[in-house]
Amino acid sequence: MASVQGVSFGSNYIIPSNQIKNSATMRQLGIETQKFVPDKNDIAFTKDGIVVKVDDAKDKEYEAVIAKYGINIKKFEKPKNNSNLTETQDGLPKPKLTPTGTPIVNFTDKNGEQFMAREVKLENGYVCMAVSNVKDPNKAELMNNDVFKKLISQEGVQIAK
């Protein structure tokens, strides 16, 4: 008889952006969240905050970890007709990003993919990097400056001059 794999479901939480006090707290939340949300596609940014999808088996543990920062996360009800958070983000509001005036950095990763990055400011004043594939510049991944520097310092990344 073949072994049966367990089925795991996910809970969607929203971390209200108005409760994130500063960039240090934002970084710590990112580090803590990565332990529970290993797939970056399970994180979405909305006008109200950050939505994360956490495995049901770990949701209470995640709630406790985030609570130590004084942030009251709550379950997020997805818009109707979306079977899961990563399938489509059309129903979710997009964050308002304002370029800070720094130049766009073009680089090629170790797999030969071309990317571009620009420093941006979020509505709450947090400054981070918006990184997108040159083939699809309208979809950007937001990352703090330390994570971006780590990405750029990886072996094989070539910065265009």
Protein backbone atom coordinates (compact mmCIF):
# COMPACT_ATOMS: atom_id res chain seq x y z
CA MET A 1 0.00 0.00 0.00
CA ALA A 2 1.39 3.40 -0.96
CA SER A 3 1.91 5.95 1.76
CA VAL A 4 -0.53 8.84 1.87
CA GLN A 5 0.76 12.38 2.17
CA GLY A 6 -0.96 14.69 4.64
CA VAL A 7 -2.97 17.59 3.32
CA SER A 8 -2.08 21.03 4.59
CA PHE A 9 -4.18 24.16 4.32
CA GLY A 10 -3.11 27.74 4.74
CA SER A 11 -4.39 30.65 6.76
CA ASN A 12 -4.09 34.12 5.31
CA TYR A 13 -3.09 36.88 7.72
CA ILE A 14 -2.86 40.61 7.25
CA ILE A 15 -0.15 42.57 9.05
CA PRO A 16 -1.52 46.14 9.21
CA SER A 17 1.06 48.59 7.85
CA ASN A 18 -0.10 51.31 10.26
CA GLN A 19 1.12 49.16 13.19
CA ILE A 20 4.66 48.75 11.86
CA LYS A 21 6.57 51.36 13.82
CA ASN A 22 9.86 51.62 11.90
CA SER A 23 12.15 49.99 9.35
CA ALA A 24 13.91 47.91 12.03
CA THR A 25 10.57 46.37 13.00
CA MET A 26 9.79 45.78 9.31
CA ARG A 27 13.09 43.92 8.87
CA GLN A 28 12.50 41.77 11.96
CA LEU A 29 8.96 40.94 10.78
CA GLY A 30 10.42 39.92 7.42
CA ILE A 31 12.97 37.64 9.07
CA GLU A 32 10.35 36.06 11.34
CA THR A 33 7.84 35.67 8.50
CA GLN A 34 10.37 33.91 6.25
CA LYS A 35 10.48 31.07 8.79
CA PHE A 36 6.75 30.49 8.30
CA VAL A 37 6.32 31.56 4.66
CA PRO A 38 9.20 30.10 2.64
CA ASP A 39 7.52 30.76 -0.74
CA LYS A 40 7.70 34.46 -1.65
CA ASN A 41 4.58 33.97 -3.80
CA ASP A 42 2.60 33.53 -0.57
CA ILE A 43 3.20 37.18 0.37
CA ALA A 44 1.21 40.07 -1.11
CA PHE A 45 1.22 43.79 -0.38
CA THR A 46 -2.09 45.61 -0.05
CA LYS A 47 -3.08 49.17 0.82
CA ASP A 48 -3.92 47.97 4.33
CA GLY A 49 -0.81 45.91 4.99
CA ILE A 50 1.06 42.75 4.14
CA VAL A 51 -0.90 39.55 3.49
CA VAL A 52 0.87 36.26 4.23
CA LYS A 53 -0.24 32.66 3.79
CA VAL A 54 0.83 30.46 6.72
CA ASP A 55 0.41 26.68 7.01
CA ASP A 56 -2.55 25.91 9.32
CA ALA A 57 -0.32 23.66 11.42
CA LYS A 58 1.86 26.68 12.28
CA ASP A 59 -0.66 29.52 12.36
CA LYS A 60 -0.95 29.81 16.16
CA GLU A 61 2.84 29.80 16.49
CA TYR A 62 3.06 32.55 13.85
CA GLU A 63 0.43 34.62 15.67
CA ALA A 64 2.46 34.36 18.89
CA VAL A 65 5.74 35.33 17.21
CA ILE A 66 4.23 38.42 15.56
CA ALA A 67 2.40 39.44 18.75
CA LYS A 68 5.73 40.01 20.52
CA TYR A 69 6.20 43.06 18.25
CA GLY A 70 2.96 44.60 19.51
CA ILE A 71 1.22 44.04 16.18
CA ASN A 72 -2.30 42.66 16.05
CA ILE A 73 -2.48 40.50 12.96
CA LYS A 74 -5.83 39.17 11.84
CA LYS A 75 -7.12 36.56 9.45
CA PHE A 76 -7.53 37.97 5.97
CA GLU A 77 -10.61 37.10 3.96
CA LYS A 78 -9.66 36.76 0.33
CA PRO A 79 -11.78 38.36 -2.39
CA LYS A 80 -14.43 35.99 -3.82
CA ASN A 81 -13.52 33.71 -6.79
CA ASN A 82 -9.85 33.39 -5.74
CA SER A 83 -9.11 29.83 -4.67
CA ASN A 84 -5.78 30.80 -3.17
CA LEU A 85 -3.67 33.87 -2.56
CA THR A 86 -0.97 33.04 -5.08
CA GLU A 87 -3.27 32.21 -7.99
CA THR A 88 -4.11 35.80 -8.83
CA GLN A 89 -3.56 39.11 -7.14
CA ASP A 90 -5.85 41.09 -9.44
CA GLY A 91 -8.38 41.65 -6.65
CA LEU A 92 -5.77 42.98 -4.23
CA PRO A 93 -4.84 46.66 -4.13
CA LYS A 94 -1.32 47.52 -5.21
CA PRO A 95 0.97 49.52 -2.92
CA LYS A 96 1.79 53.07 -3.97
CA LEU A 97 5.52 53.24 -4.67
CA THR A 98 7.37 56.52 -5.09
CA PRO A 99 10.86 56.45 -6.67
CA THR A 100 13.45 58.16 -4.47
CA GLY A 101 15.40 59.57 -7.40
CA THR A 102 18.29 57.11 -7.29
CA PRO A 103 19.30 55.55 -10.62
CA ILE A 104 17.92 52.21 -11.82
CA VAL A 105 20.35 49.33 -11.31
CA ASN A 106 20.38 46.75 -14.13
CA PHE A 107 21.91 43.37 -13.38
CA THR A 108 22.06 39.80 -14.64
CA ASP A 109 21.72 36.93 -12.17
CA LYS A 110 23.84 33.79 -12.20
CA ASN A 111 21.24 32.06 -14.42
CA GLY A 112 21.46 34.75 -17.10
CA GLU A 113 18.11 36.44 -16.28
CA GLN A 114 18.12 40.24 -16.57
CA PHE A 115 16.68 42.30 -13.72
CA MET A 116 16.34 45.92 -12.78
CA ALA A 117 16.04 47.50 -9.34
CA ARG A 118 15.15 50.91 -8.03
CA GLU A 119 14.96 52.41 -4.58
CA VAL A 120 11.34 53.31 -3.72
CA LYS A 121 9.41 54.71 -0.79
CA LEU A 122 6.19 53.06 0.42
CA GLU A 123 3.12 54.98 1.60
CA ASN A 124 4.15 54.49 5.23
CA GLY A 125 7.58 56.08 4.54
CA TYR A 126 9.57 52.82 4.49
CA VAL A 127 12.39 52.90 1.89
CA CYS A 128 13.18 49.64 0.11
CA MET A 129 14.17 48.24 -3.28
CA ALA A 130 11.69 47.25 -6.00
CA VAL A 131 13.26 44.47 -8.09
CA SER A 132 11.66 43.20 -11.28
CA ASN A 133 12.51 41.01 -14.23
CA VAL A 134 13.21 43.08 -17.36
CA LYS A 135 10.69 40.90 -19.22
CA ASP A 136 7.90 41.84 -16.78
CA PRO A 137 8.70 45.26 -15.25
CA ASN A 138 5.16 45.76 -13.87
CA LYS A 139 5.65 42.97 -11.31
CA ALA A 140 8.20 43.89 -8.69
CA GLU A 141 9.41 42.17 -5.55
CA LEU A 142 10.00 44.53 -2.65
CA MET A 143 13.02 43.86 -0.47
CA ASN A 144 14.87 45.84 2.15
CA ASN A 145 18.27 47.29 1.27
CA ASP A 146 20.23 44.67 3.24
CA VAL A 147 18.57 41.79 1.39
CA PHE A 148 19.16 43.56 -1.93
CA LYS A 149 22.87 44.04 -1.14
CA LYS A 150 23.10 40.36 -0.26
CA LEU A 151 21.43 39.48 -3.58
CA ILE A 152 23.83 41.66 -5.56
CA SER A 153 26.88 40.28 -3.74
CA GLN A 154 26.00 36.70 -4.74
CA GLU A 155 28.45 34.91 -6.93
CA GLY A 156 27.67 35.29 -10.61
CA VAL A 157 25.60 38.50 -10.47
CA GLN A 158 26.84 41.02 -13.02
CA ILE A 159 25.88 44.67 -12.78
CA ALA A 160 25.42 46.46 -16.11
CA LYS A 161 27.54 49.58 -16.58
